[in-house]
Amino acid sequence: MIDKLIEKIKELGNPTVMGLDPRYELIPDEIKPKYDTSNEGICKACLEFNKDLIDSVYDIIPAVKPQSAFYEALGIKGIEVLKETCEYAKAKGMIVILDSKRGDIGSTSKAYSKAYLEDGEFKADFLTVNPYLGSDGILPFVEDCEKFDKGIFVLVKTSNPSSSELQDLRMENGKTIYEIVGSLVERWGENSIGKYGYSDVASVVGATQPKELKELREKMPHTFFLIPGYGAQRRKSRRYCSCF
């Protein structure tokens, strides 16, 4: 799957990813009057806005990244909006990175993987995952990436201000936790390296941490990076990040 993302980036000459985080207060005024303010009406407004955004960028931006929490907050109807948004983006030829940051013990991770990475309801190409339960929380996703031609983005060094509270802690060997996680990501992806030299096990590394970003780029030569904190963070319910 990583080869497909890279080829889409090369085709459009653009590494930008557009986040789709629906917040009703940021929906344009020209859309809101079409619907009432019930939960169903809000969901319809969010879906229309998502489709408008996709229609506006599908030929210049290779991928979208819906954040599932914003849809889950809208209940069952919101989940339906997430499903329809993923389907609509894929129908337009875009890569879908579902930002759900899943990760749990092995059997639960397997269930998350079945929900998002198998050919089920959400049609996601990539899923963001949290590695802090260790390998048994990640390997079910890795296995399904190989089986279903999908990918994951593993949190390594995140862009939030308090990430240093845990991720920057140094072990007795002098390595930080994020460096250790980065080495695990390289290992988890060693069997899925594509023709461009990157694996389907990619990582999230925040651009708000430029020193760490440079270090990790050198230490993770086969890992593709999703980089939040690069460029505009939020405008009218959408966020941007980049892939490198």
C-alpha atoms as a PDB file:
ATOM      1  CA  MET A   1       0.000   0.000   0.000  1.00  0.00           C
ATOM      2  CA  ILE A   2       2.870   2.384   0.694  1.00  0.00           C
ATOM      3  CA  ASP A   3       3.872   2.174  -2.968  1.00  0.00           C
ATOM      4  CA  LYS A   4       0.354   3.272  -3.963  1.00  0.00           C
ATOM      5  CA  LEU A   5       0.565   6.299  -1.672  1.00  0.00           C
ATOM      6  CA  ILE A   6       3.990   7.253  -2.979  1.00  0.00           C
ATOM      7  CA  GLU A   7       2.837   6.871  -6.582  1.00  0.00           C
ATOM      8  CA  LYS A   8      -0.178   9.080  -5.892  1.00  0.00           C
ATOM      9  CA  ILE A   9       2.116  11.713  -4.376  1.00  0.00           C
ATOM     10  CA  LYS A  10       4.409  11.517  -7.386  1.00  0.00           C
ATOM     11  CA  GLU A  11       1.455  11.706  -9.800  1.00  0.00           C
ATOM     12  CA  LEU A  12       0.118  14.904  -8.222  1.00  0.00           C
ATOM     13  CA  GLY A  13       3.479  16.363  -7.184  1.00  0.00           C
ATOM     14  CA  ASN A  14       2.091  17.029  -3.716  1.00  0.00           C
ATOM     15  CA  PRO A  15       2.794  15.281  -0.369  1.00  0.00           C
ATOM     16  CA  THR A  16      -0.020  17.053   1.479  1.00  0.00           C
ATOM     17  CA  VAL A  17      -2.698  15.182   3.405  1.00  0.00           C
ATOM     18  CA  MET A  18      -5.992  16.920   4.217  1.00  0.00           C
ATOM     19  CA  GLY A  19      -7.554  16.185   7.588  1.00  0.00           C
ATOM     20  CA  LEU A  20     -11.339  15.951   7.789  1.00  0.00           C
ATOM     21  CA  ASP A  21     -12.338  16.741  11.386  1.00  0.00           C
ATOM     22  CA  PRO A  22     -15.999  17.831  11.287  1.00  0.00           C
ATOM     23  CA  ARG A  23     -16.940  20.521  13.787  1.00  0.00           C
ATOM     24  CA  TYR A  24     -20.360  22.019  13.271  1.00  0.00           C
ATOM     25  CA  GLU A  25     -19.363  25.507  14.442  1.00  0.00           C
ATOM     26  CA  LEU A  26     -16.856  25.670  11.587  1.00  0.00           C
ATOM     27  CA  ILE A  27     -19.195  24.486   8.835  1.00  0.00           C
ATOM     28  CA  PRO A  28     -19.632  27.277   6.237  1.00  0.00           C
ATOM     29  CA  ASP A  29     -22.714  29.457   6.572  1.00  0.00           C
ATOM     30  CA  GLU A  30     -23.893  28.553   3.084  1.00  0.00           C
ATOM     31  CA  ILE A  31     -24.315  24.913   4.154  1.00  0.00           C
ATOM     32  CA  LYS A  32     -25.842  25.231   7.643  1.00  0.00           C
ATOM     33  CA  PRO A  33     -29.250  26.683   6.607  1.00  0.00           C
ATOM     34  CA  LYS A  34     -29.970  23.631   4.447  1.00  0.00           C
ATOM     35  CA  TYR A  35     -30.389  21.428   7.519  1.00  0.00           C
ATOM     36  CA  ASP A  36     -31.902  21.654  10.985  1.00  0.00           C
ATOM     37  CA  THR A  37     -29.722  21.508  14.105  1.00  0.00           C
ATOM     38  CA  SER A  38     -30.738  18.015  15.168  1.00  0.00           C
ATOM     39  CA  ASN A  39     -27.944  15.451  15.315  1.00  0.00           C
ATOM     40  CA  GLU A  40     -29.086  14.071  11.970  1.00  0.00           C
ATOM     41  CA  GLY A  41     -29.076  17.552  10.442  1.00  0.00           C
ATOM     42  CA  ILE A  42     -25.584  18.261  11.758  1.00  0.00           C
ATOM     43  CA  CYS A  43     -24.360  14.972  10.302  1.00  0.00           C
ATOM     44  CA  LYS A  44     -25.830  15.802   6.904  1.00  0.00           C
ATOM     45  CA  ALA A  45     -24.129  19.204   6.959  1.00  0.00           C
ATOM     46  CA  CYS A  46     -20.783  17.615   7.860  1.00  0.00           C
ATOM     47  CA  LEU A  47     -21.091  15.070   5.064  1.00  0.00           C
ATOM     48  CA  GLU A  48     -21.914  17.727   2.495  1.00  0.00           C
ATOM     49  CA  PHE A  49     -18.915  19.785   3.607  1.00  0.00           C
ATOM     50  CA  ASN A  50     -16.629  16.761   3.455  1.00  0.00           C
ATOM     51  CA  LYS A  51     -17.784  15.982  -0.061  1.00  0.00           C
ATOM     52  CA  ASP A  52     -17.332  19.616  -1.121  1.00  0.00           C
ATOM     53  CA  LEU A  53     -13.779  19.582   0.216  1.00  0.00           C
ATOM     54  CA  ILE A  54     -12.974  16.308  -1.512  1.00  0.00           C
ATOM     55  CA  ASP A  55     -14.429  17.597  -4.782  1.00  0.00           C
ATOM     56  CA  SER A  56     -12.209  20.678  -4.463  1.00  0.00           C
ATOM     57  CA  VAL A  57      -8.905  18.883  -3.853  1.00  0.00           C
ATOM     58  CA  TYR A  58      -9.020  15.302  -5.170  1.00  0.00           C
ATOM     59  CA  ASP A  59      -7.014  16.241  -8.257  1.00  0.00           C
ATOM     60  CA  ILE A  60      -4.302  18.112  -6.348  1.00  0.00           C
ATOM     61  CA  ILE A  61      -4.051  16.340  -2.948  1.00  0.00           C
ATOM     62  CA  PRO A  62      -3.325  12.607  -2.791  1.00  0.00           C
ATOM     63  CA  ALA A  63      -4.876  11.659   0.548  1.00  0.00           C
ATOM     64  CA  VAL A  64      -7.428  12.527   3.214  1.00  0.00           C
ATOM     65  CA  LYS A  65      -7.218  11.791   6.923  1.00  0.00           C
ATOM     66  CA  PRO A  66     -10.576  11.634   8.725  1.00  0.00           C
ATOM     67  CA  GLN A  67     -10.205  11.728  12.516  1.00  0.00           C
ATOM     68  CA  SER A  68     -12.665   9.155  13.794  1.00  0.00           C
ATOM     69  CA  ALA A  69     -13.231  10.816  17.191  1.00  0.00           C
ATOM     70  CA  PHE A  70     -15.140  13.706  15.628  1.00  0.00           C
ATOM     71  CA  TYR A  71     -17.480  11.267  13.898  1.00  0.00           C
ATOM     72  CA  GLU A  72     -17.877   9.028  16.937  1.00  0.00           C
ATOM     73  CA  ALA A  73     -18.893  12.117  18.943  1.00  0.00           C
ATOM     74  CA  LEU A  74     -21.922  12.384  16.635  1.00  0.00           C
ATOM     75  CA  GLY A  75     -23.104   8.860  17.444  1.00  0.00           C
ATOM     76  CA  ILE A  76     -24.315   6.241  14.982  1.00  0.00           C
ATOM     77  CA  LYS A  77     -25.146   8.843  12.337  1.00  0.00           C
ATOM     78  CA  GLY A  78     -21.642  10.227  12.687  1.00  0.00           C
ATOM     79  CA  ILE A  79     -20.145   6.789  12.075  1.00  0.00           C
ATOM     80  CA  GLU A  80     -22.248   6.586   8.925  1.00  0.00           C
ATOM     81  CA  VAL A  81     -20.801   9.945   7.836  1.00  0.00           C
ATOM     82  CA  LEU A  82     -17.293   8.571   8.397  1.00  0.00           C
ATOM     83  CA  LYS A  83     -18.091   5.512   6.297  1.00  0.00           C
ATOM     84  CA  GLU A  84     -19.586   7.593   3.481  1.00  0.00           C
ATOM     85  CA  THR A  85     -16.684  10.045   3.604  1.00  0.00           C
ATOM     86  CA  CYS A  86     -14.135   7.241   3.225  1.00  0.00           C
ATOM     87  CA  GLU A  87     -16.110   5.710   0.358  1.00  0.00           C
ATOM     88  CA  TYR A  88     -16.494   9.057  -1.405  1.00  0.00           C
ATOM     89  CA  ALA A  89     -12.788   9.875  -1.146  1.00  0.00           C
ATOM     90  CA  LYS A  90     -11.790   6.465  -2.487  1.00  0.00           C
ATOM     91  CA  ALA A  91     -14.271   6.805  -5.347  1.00  0.00           C
ATOM     92  CA  LYS A  92     -12.440  10.015  -6.280  1.00  0.00           C
ATOM     93  CA  GLY A  93      -9.142   8.144  -6.342  1.00  0.00           C
ATOM     94  CA  MET A  94      -7.793   9.446  -3.032  1.00  0.00           C
ATOM     95  CA  ILE A  95      -5.860   7.459  -0.434  1.00  0.00           C
ATOM     96  CA  VAL A  96      -7.722   7.239   2.902  1.00  0.00           C
ATOM     97  CA  ILE A  97      -5.737   7.416   6.132  1.00  0.00           C
ATOM     98  CA  LEU A  98      -8.153   6.748   8.984  1.00  0.00           C
ATOM     99  CA  ASP A  99      -6.885   8.500  12.109  1.00  0.00           C
ATOM    100  CA  SER A 100      -8.158   6.360  14.978  1.00  0.00           C
ATOM    101  CA  LYS A 101      -4.931   5.674  16.922  1.00  0.00           C
ATOM    102  CA  ARG A 102      -6.029   2.175  17.847  1.00  0.00           C
ATOM    103  CA  GLY A 103      -3.930  -0.266  19.857  1.00  0.00           C
ATOM    104  CA  ASP A 104      -4.676  -2.786  22.595  1.00  0.00           C
ATOM    105  CA  ILE A 105      -3.902  -6.361  23.597  1.00  0.00           C
ATOM    106  CA  GLY A 106      -3.577  -8.769  20.696  1.00  0.00           C
ATOM    107  CA  SER A 107      -7.162  -9.991  20.361  1.00  0.00           C
ATOM    108  CA  THR A 108      -8.559  -6.474  20.637  1.00  0.00           C
ATOM    109  CA  SER A 109      -6.074  -5.107  18.123  1.00  0.00           C
ATOM    110  CA  LYS A 110      -7.129  -7.920  15.814  1.00  0.00           C
ATOM    111  CA  ALA A 111     -10.738  -6.774  16.163  1.00  0.00           C
ATOM    112  CA  TYR A 112      -9.745  -3.152  15.451  1.00  0.00           C
ATOM    113  CA  SER A 113      -7.809  -4.318  12.419  1.00  0.00           C
ATOM    114  CA  LYS A 114     -10.802  -6.316  11.191  1.00  0.00           C
ATOM    115  CA  ALA A 115     -12.982  -3.202  11.565  1.00  0.00           C
ATOM    116  CA  TYR A 116     -10.696  -0.817   9.711  1.00  0.00           C
ATOM    117  CA  LEU A 117      -8.143  -2.643   7.560  1.00  0.00           C
ATOM    118  CA  GLU A 118      -9.960  -5.652   6.197  1.00  0.00           C
ATOM    119  CA  ASP A 119     -12.266  -5.034   3.246  1.00  0.00           C
ATOM    120  CA  GLY A 120     -15.144  -4.011   5.492  1.00  0.00           C
ATOM    121  CA  GLU A 121     -17.243  -0.947   6.149  1.00  0.00           C
ATOM    122  CA  PHE A 122     -14.693   1.865   6.230  1.00  0.00           C
ATOM    123  CA  LYS A 123     -12.529   1.167   3.178  1.00  0.00           C
ATOM    124  CA  ALA A 124      -9.449   2.688   4.827  1.00  0.00           C
ATOM    125  CA  ASP A 125      -6.068   2.267   3.150  1.00  0.00           C
ATOM    126  CA  PHE A 126      -4.083   3.169   6.270  1.00  0.00           C
ATOM    127  CA  LEU A 127      -4.864   3.288   9.983  1.00  0.00           C
ATOM    128  CA  THR A 128      -3.011   5.212  12.694  1.00  0.00           C
ATOM    129  CA  VAL A 129      -2.071   2.996  15.634  1.00  0.00           C
ATOM    130  CA  ASN A 130      -0.657   3.438  19.144  1.00  0.00           C
ATOM    131  CA  PRO A 131       2.357   1.189  19.892  1.00  0.00           C
ATOM    132  CA  TYR A 132       2.591   1.636  23.640  1.00  0.00           C
ATOM    133  CA  LEU A 133       1.264  -1.831  24.481  1.00  0.00           C
ATOM    134  CA  GLY A 134       4.205  -3.355  22.651  1.00  0.00           C
ATOM    135  CA  SER A 135       4.488  -5.818  19.784  1.00  0.00           C
ATOM    136  CA  ASP A 136       1.434  -7.902  20.625  1.00  0.00           C
ATOM    137  CA  GLY A 137      -0.703  -4.802  20.146  1.00  0.00           C
ATOM    138  CA  ILE A 138       0.837  -4.040  16.745  1.00  0.00           C
ATOM    139  CA  LEU A 139       1.499  -7.368  15.058  1.00  0.00           C
ATOM    140  CA  PRO A 140      -2.198  -8.089  14.324  1.00  0.00           C
ATOM    141  CA  PHE A 141      -2.248  -4.884  12.264  1.00  0.00           C
ATOM    142  CA  VAL A 142       1.030  -5.775  10.549  1.00  0.00           C
ATOM    143  CA  GLU A 143      -0.309  -9.214   9.608  1.00  0.00           C
ATOM    144  CA  ASP A 144      -3.433  -7.702   8.078  1.00  0.00           C
ATOM    145  CA  CYS A 145      -1.396  -5.107   6.191  1.00  0.00           C
ATOM    146  CA  GLU A 146       0.377  -7.968   4.437  1.00  0.00           C
ATOM    147  CA  LYS A 147      -2.827  -9.941   3.924  1.00  0.00           C
ATOM    148  CA  PHE A 148      -5.042  -7.136   2.619  1.00  0.00           C
ATOM    149  CA  ASP A 149      -2.507  -4.739   1.039  1.00  0.00           C
ATOM    150  CA  LYS A 150      -3.030  -2.029   3.659  1.00  0.00           C
ATOM    151  CA  GLY A 151      -0.749   0.119   5.807  1.00  0.00           C
ATOM    152  CA  ILE A 152      -0.447   1.597   9.279  1.00  0.00           C
ATOM    153  CA  PHE A 153       1.053   4.775  10.688  1.00  0.00           C
ATOM    154  CA  VAL A 154       2.554   4.078  14.121  1.00  0.00           C
ATOM    155  CA  LEU A 155       2.860   6.928  16.632  1.00  0.00           C
ATOM    156  CA  VAL A 156       6.561   7.505  17.257  1.00  0.00           C
ATOM    157  CA  LYS A 157       7.116  11.183  18.160  1.00  0.00           C
ATOM    158  CA  THR A 158       3.902  13.153  18.368  1.00  0.00           C
ATOM    159  CA  SER A 159       3.447  16.891  17.916  1.00  0.00           C
ATOM    160  CA  ASN A 160       1.520  17.690  21.103  1.00  0.00           C
ATOM    161  CA  PRO A 161       3.391  19.806  23.695  1.00  0.00           C
ATOM    162  CA  SER A 162       3.323  17.207  26.478  1.00  0.00           C
ATOM    163  CA  SER A 163       4.669  14.360  24.338  1.00  0.00           C
ATOM    164  CA  SER A 164       8.064  14.836  25.984  1.00  0.00           C
ATOM    165  CA  GLU A 165       6.674  13.717  29.351  1.00  0.00           C
ATOM    166  CA  LEU A 166       6.905  10.108  28.173  1.00  0.00           C
ATOM    167  CA  GLN A 167       8.408   9.957  24.714  1.00  0.00           C
ATOM    168  CA  ASP A 168      11.617  11.838  25.616  1.00  0.00           C
ATOM    169  CA  LEU A 169      12.465   9.744  28.693  1.00  0.00           C
ATOM    170  CA  ARG A 170      15.886   8.114  28.413  1.00  0.00           C
ATOM    171  CA  MET A 171      16.573   4.505  29.201  1.00  0.00           C
ATOM    172  CA  GLU A 172      19.746   3.131  30.777  1.00  0.00           C
ATOM    173  CA  ASN A 173      21.253   2.604  27.333  1.00  0.00           C
ATOM    174  CA  GLY A 174      20.896   6.335  26.634  1.00  0.00           C
ATOM    175  CA  LYS A 175      18.124   5.962  24.058  1.00  0.00           C
ATOM    176  CA  THR A 176      14.855   7.805  24.368  1.00  0.00           C
ATOM    177  CA  ILE A 177      11.548   5.971  24.325  1.00  0.00           C
ATOM    178  CA  TYR A 178      10.686   7.448  20.930  1.00  0.00           C
ATOM    179  CA  GLU A 179      13.992   6.175  19.511  1.00  0.00           C
ATOM    180  CA  ILE A 180      13.229   2.682  20.787  1.00  0.00           C
ATOM    181  CA  VAL A 181       9.734   2.825  19.293  1.00  0.00           C
ATOM    182  CA  GLY A 182      11.268   3.996  16.013  1.00  0.00           C
ATOM    183  CA  SER A 183      13.589   0.982  15.936  1.00  0.00           C
ATOM    184  CA  LEU A 184      10.623  -1.308  16.592  1.00  0.00           C
ATOM    185  CA  VAL A 185       8.736   0.280  13.679  1.00  0.00           C
ATOM    186  CA  GLU A 186      11.674  -0.448  11.380  1.00  0.00           C
ATOM    187  CA  ARG A 187      11.657  -4.067  12.573  1.00  0.00           C
ATOM    188  CA  TRP A 188       7.886  -4.488  12.265  1.00  0.00           C
ATOM    189  CA  GLY A 189       8.036  -3.298   8.660  1.00  0.00           C
ATOM    190  CA  GLU A 190      11.068  -5.230   7.432  1.00  0.00           C
ATOM    191  CA  ASN A 191       8.946  -7.813   5.577  1.00  0.00           C
ATOM    192  CA  SER A 192       6.822  -5.299   3.681  1.00  0.00           C
ATOM    193  CA  ILE A 193       9.339  -3.008   1.997  1.00  0.00           C
ATOM    194  CA  GLY A 194       8.112  -1.901  -1.415  1.00  0.00           C
ATOM    195  CA  LYS A 195       9.847  -0.855  -4.599  1.00  0.00           C
ATOM    196  CA  TYR A 196      10.556   2.660  -3.306  1.00  0.00           C
ATOM    197  CA  GLY A 197      12.395   1.346  -0.249  1.00  0.00           C
ATOM    198  CA  TYR A 198       9.678   2.056   2.321  1.00  0.00           C
ATOM    199  CA  SER A 199       7.519  -0.389   4.254  1.00  0.00           C
ATOM    200  CA  ASP A 200       3.772  -0.549   4.840  1.00  0.00           C
ATOM    201  CA  VAL A 201       4.517   0.062   8.528  1.00  0.00           C
ATOM    202  CA  ALA A 202       4.914   3.834   8.486  1.00  0.00           C
ATOM    203  CA  SER A 203       5.133   6.298  11.363  1.00  0.00           C
ATOM    204  CA  VAL A 204       3.793   9.567  12.732  1.00  0.00           C
ATOM    205  CA  VAL A 205       6.526  12.094  13.564  1.00  0.00           C
ATOM    206  CA  GLY A 206       5.538  15.664  14.415  1.00  0.00           C
ATOM    207  CA  ALA A 207       7.162  18.548  12.549  1.00  0.00           C
ATOM    208  CA  THR A 208       6.911  20.585  15.761  1.00  0.00           C
ATOM    209  CA  GLN A 209       9.926  18.507  16.870  1.00  0.00           C
ATOM    210  CA  PRO A 210      12.410  19.334  14.041  1.00  0.00           C
ATOM    211  CA  LYS A 211      15.539  18.049  15.821  1.00  0.00           C
ATOM    212  CA  GLU A 212      13.921  14.718  16.620  1.00  0.00           C
ATOM    213  CA  LEU A 213      12.411  14.567  13.127  1.00  0.00           C
ATOM    214  CA  LYS A 214      15.867  14.836  11.560  1.00  0.00           C
ATOM    215  CA  GLU A 215      17.316  12.221  13.917  1.00  0.00           C
ATOM    216  CA  LEU A 216      14.525   9.760  13.248  1.00  0.00           C
ATOM    217  CA  ARG A 217      14.739  10.256   9.495  1.00  0.00           C
ATOM    218  CA  GLU A 218      18.357   9.105   9.668  1.00  0.00           C
ATOM    219  CA  LYS A 219      17.607   6.151  11.966  1.00  0.00           C
ATOM    220  CA  MET A 220      14.489   4.940  10.147  1.00  0.00           C
ATOM    221  CA  PRO A 221      15.521   4.752   6.484  1.00  0.00           C
ATOM    222  CA  HIS A 222      12.747   2.350   5.460  1.00  0.00           C
ATOM    223  CA  THR A 223       9.906   4.107   7.273  1.00  0.00           C
ATOM    224  CA  PHE A 224       7.579   6.589   5.586  1.00  0.00           C
ATOM    225  CA  PHE A 225       6.624   9.567   7.776  1.00  0.00           C
ATOM    226  CA  LEU A 226       3.256  11.210   8.311  1.00  0.00           C
ATOM    227  CA  ILE A 227       4.162  14.657   9.626  1.00  0.00           C
ATOM    228  CA  PRO A 228       1.506  16.642  11.517  1.00  0.00           C
ATOM    229  CA  GLY A 229       2.358  20.179  12.513  1.00  0.00           C
ATOM    230  CA  TYR A 230       3.601  21.027   9.013  1.00  0.00           C
ATOM    231  CA  GLY A 231       1.792  24.019   7.512  1.00  0.00           C
ATOM    232  CA  ALA A 232      -1.764  25.065   8.403  1.00  0.00           C
ATOM    233  CA  GLN A 233      -3.147  23.218  11.413  1.00  0.00           C
ATOM    234  CA  ARG A 234      -6.802  24.061  11.251  1.00  0.00           C
ATOM    235  CA  ARG A 235      -8.988  26.169   9.006  1.00  0.00           C
ATOM    236  CA  LYS A 236     -12.685  25.563   8.487  1.00  0.00           C
ATOM    237  CA  SER A 237     -12.707  22.038   9.969  1.00  0.00           C
ATOM    238  CA  ARG A 238      -9.742  20.769   8.000  1.00  0.00           C
ATOM    239  CA  ARG A 239      -6.135  20.184   8.975  1.00  0.00           C
ATOM    240  CA  TYR A 240      -3.098  19.577   6.874  1.00  0.00           C
ATOM    241  CA  CYS A 241      -0.056  17.383   7.323  1.00  0.00           C
ATOM    242  CA  SER A 242       2.532  15.938   4.976  1.00  0.00           C
ATOM    243  CA  CYS A 243       4.073  12.606   4.063  1.00  0.00           C
ATOM    244  CA  PHE A 244       7.768  12.073   3.402  1.00  0.00           C
END
